């Protein structure tokens, strides 16, 4: 079933985010395609991201108790590839790609994403190999219009409107 599950999930088009963190646990970032809203009908909106449990960034998010989900635009595949480990950069060297500043929580926020969601960690749930992090949004930054970077069928794709 694992093979069929992975094949089926590869057909789900997903927006690409770089999830970052910084604080006493250190600075880190990782590319994810699992980010979605949880609730807006609460005093503070919330969203979730899923991060592989063996990622250094995962441990840093748990220690820092904060993360920022940076929603990438279609022209930011290099940033995605860098934070996915495809460019050979590790640790803080990943942040040499793109321009960053500290958000309200201190987490690195990309200067020019489509949007960025700076969050305080409120739930940390281990599910299989991944941690589901739910964050209450401390700040939202809307930067530009345009198409998001999409991951579909094990590669990048373009979002088009009918």
Protein backbone atom coordinates (compact mmCIF):
# COMPACT_ATOMS: atom_id res chain seq x y z
CA UNK A 1 0.00 0.00 0.00
CA UNK A 2 2.91 2.40 0.63
CA UNK A 3 3.81 2.54 -3.08
CA UNK A 4 0.23 3.19 -4.10
CA UNK A 5 -0.17 5.79 -1.37
CA UNK A 6 2.95 7.68 -2.48
CA UNK A 7 1.86 7.53 -6.12
CA UNK A 8 -1.59 8.79 -5.23
CA UNK A 9 -0.21 11.63 -3.11
CA UNK A 10 2.12 12.66 -5.93
CA UNK A 11 -1.03 13.57 -7.87
CA UNK A 12 -2.09 16.11 -5.20
CA UNK A 13 -0.89 19.56 -6.26
CA UNK A 14 0.53 21.42 -3.25
CA UNK A 15 1.90 24.90 -2.65
CA UNK A 16 5.54 24.93 -1.62
CA UNK A 17 6.66 26.62 1.62
CA UNK A 18 9.96 27.08 3.32
CA UNK A 19 9.44 26.67 7.06
CA UNK A 20 12.02 28.51 9.14
CA UNK A 21 12.84 28.93 12.81
CA UNK A 22 15.34 30.73 15.01
CA UNK A 23 15.94 31.11 18.72
CA UNK A 24 17.73 29.32 21.54
CA UNK A 25 17.55 26.04 19.58
CA UNK A 26 19.29 27.55 16.57
CA UNK A 27 18.40 28.72 13.10
CA UNK A 28 17.03 26.32 10.52
CA UNK A 29 14.76 25.89 7.56
CA UNK A 30 13.23 23.17 5.43
CA UNK A 31 11.05 22.95 2.32
CA UNK A 32 7.58 21.46 2.84
CA UNK A 33 4.47 20.92 0.77
CA UNK A 34 2.30 20.13 3.79
CA UNK A 35 1.02 23.48 5.08
CA UNK A 36 -2.61 24.42 5.55
CA UNK A 37 -4.91 26.55 7.66
CA UNK A 38 -6.44 24.97 10.74
CA UNK A 39 -8.84 27.60 12.05
CA UNK A 40 -9.68 31.24 11.64
CA UNK A 41 -12.71 31.13 13.98
CA UNK A 42 -10.60 31.50 17.10
CA UNK A 43 -9.07 34.58 18.73
CA UNK A 44 -5.86 33.85 16.81
CA UNK A 45 -5.85 32.09 13.41
CA UNK A 46 -3.83 28.88 13.22
CA UNK A 47 -2.10 26.78 10.61
CA UNK A 48 -0.18 23.54 10.49
CA UNK A 49 2.99 22.32 8.85
CA UNK A 50 4.37 18.79 8.70
CA UNK A 51 8.13 18.32 9.09
CA UNK A 52 10.10 15.08 9.01
CA UNK A 53 11.00 14.13 12.57
CA UNK A 54 14.66 13.47 11.73
CA UNK A 55 15.17 16.95 10.30
CA UNK A 56 17.43 19.27 12.30
CA UNK A 57 14.86 21.98 11.68
CA UNK A 58 12.24 19.84 13.40
CA UNK A 59 14.22 19.76 16.63
CA UNK A 60 14.90 23.49 16.36
CA UNK A 61 11.20 24.31 15.94
CA UNK A 62 10.41 22.20 19.01
CA UNK A 63 13.03 24.05 21.07
CA UNK A 64 12.34 27.54 19.69
CA UNK A 65 8.54 27.09 19.98
CA UNK A 66 8.09 29.18 16.81
CA UNK A 67 8.18 28.84 13.02
CA UNK A 68 7.48 30.90 9.92
CA UNK A 69 5.79 29.40 6.83
CA UNK A 70 7.04 31.29 3.77
CA UNK A 71 4.76 30.64 0.77
CA UNK A 72 6.98 30.64 -2.32
CA UNK A 73 6.19 32.17 -5.70
CA UNK A 74 6.67 30.22 -8.92
CA UNK A 75 9.99 31.99 -9.62
CA UNK A 76 11.48 30.82 -6.29
CA UNK A 77 12.30 27.18 -7.12
CA UNK A 78 15.97 27.79 -6.25
CA UNK A 79 15.00 28.69 -2.69
CA UNK A 80 12.85 25.57 -2.48
CA UNK A 81 15.65 23.38 -3.82
CA UNK A 82 18.15 24.92 -1.41
CA UNK A 83 16.03 24.29 1.67
CA UNK A 84 15.17 20.79 0.38
CA UNK A 85 18.91 19.98 0.45
CA UNK A 86 19.32 19.75 -3.34
CA UNK A 87 21.95 22.53 -3.61
CA UNK A 88 24.49 21.18 -1.14
CA UNK A 89 24.06 23.96 1.40
CA UNK A 90 23.37 23.05 5.01
CA UNK A 91 22.48 24.80 8.24
CA UNK A 92 22.62 28.57 8.21
CA UNK A 93 24.35 28.55 4.79
CA UNK A 94 20.91 27.91 3.24
CA UNK A 95 19.97 31.46 4.19
CA UNK A 96 22.51 32.85 1.69
CA UNK A 97 19.86 32.14 -0.97
CA UNK A 98 17.12 34.75 -0.87
CA UNK A 99 16.89 37.82 1.33
CA UNK A 100 15.65 37.35 4.88
CA UNK A 101 14.70 39.38 7.92
CA UNK A 102 13.49 38.46 11.41
CA UNK A 103 9.73 38.26 11.85
CA UNK A 104 7.81 39.05 15.02
CA UNK A 105 8.76 35.72 16.63
CA UNK A 106 12.39 36.07 15.54
CA UNK A 107 12.02 33.43 12.83
CA UNK A 108 13.52 34.18 9.41
CA UNK A 109 10.96 35.67 7.06
CA UNK A 110 11.66 35.81 3.34
CA UNK A 111 11.57 39.38 2.01
CA UNK A 112 9.60 38.53 -1.14
CA UNK A 113 7.36 35.48 -0.77
CA UNK A 114 3.72 35.53 -1.82
CA UNK A 115 2.88 35.46 1.88
CA UNK A 116 4.55 34.62 5.16
CA UNK A 117 2.90 33.35 8.34
CA UNK A 118 4.93 33.89 11.51
CA UNK A 119 3.67 31.47 14.19
CA UNK A 120 4.05 30.54 17.82
CA UNK A 121 4.01 26.78 18.29
CA UNK A 122 0.98 25.58 20.26
CA UNK A 123 0.74 21.88 19.33
CA UNK A 124 3.46 19.37 18.47
CA UNK A 125 2.12 15.98 17.43
CA UNK A 126 4.21 13.00 16.32
CA UNK A 127 2.51 11.04 13.53
CA UNK A 128 4.66 8.27 12.10
CA UNK A 129 7.84 9.79 10.70
CA UNK A 130 6.64 13.40 10.85
CA UNK A 131 5.79 16.06 13.39
CA UNK A 132 2.62 18.03 12.86
CA UNK A 133 3.25 21.52 14.17
CA UNK A 134 0.23 23.73 14.79
CA UNK A 135 1.02 27.38 15.22
CA UNK A 136 -1.00 30.40 16.24
CA UNK A 137 -0.29 33.14 13.76
CA UNK A 138 1.53 36.10 15.33
CA UNK A 139 1.90 38.01 12.04
CA UNK A 140 0.93 37.71 8.39
CA UNK A 141 2.92 39.40 5.69
CA UNK A 142 1.37 39.70 2.21
CA UNK A 143 4.10 40.67 -0.20
CA UNK A 144 3.11 40.15 -3.80
CA UNK A 145 0.51 38.82 -6.12
CA UNK A 146 1.34 36.06 -8.49
CA UNK A 147 1.24 32.34 -8.87
CA UNK A 148 2.54 30.10 -6.08
CA UNK A 149 5.26 27.52 -6.59
CA UNK A 150 3.40 24.22 -6.96
CA UNK A 151 4.72 20.70 -6.38
CA UNK A 152 2.92 18.07 -8.46
CA UNK A 153 3.83 14.62 -9.77
CA UNK A 154 7.29 14.77 -8.14
CA UNK A 155 8.24 18.07 -9.75
CA UNK A 156 7.35 21.74 -9.98
CA UNK A 157 4.28 22.74 -11.91
CA UNK A 158 2.50 25.96 -12.80
CA UNK A 159 -0.78 27.11 -11.36
CA UNK A 160 -3.15 28.33 -14.03
CA UNK A 161 -6.64 29.76 -13.82
CA UNK A 162 -9.34 28.53 -16.21
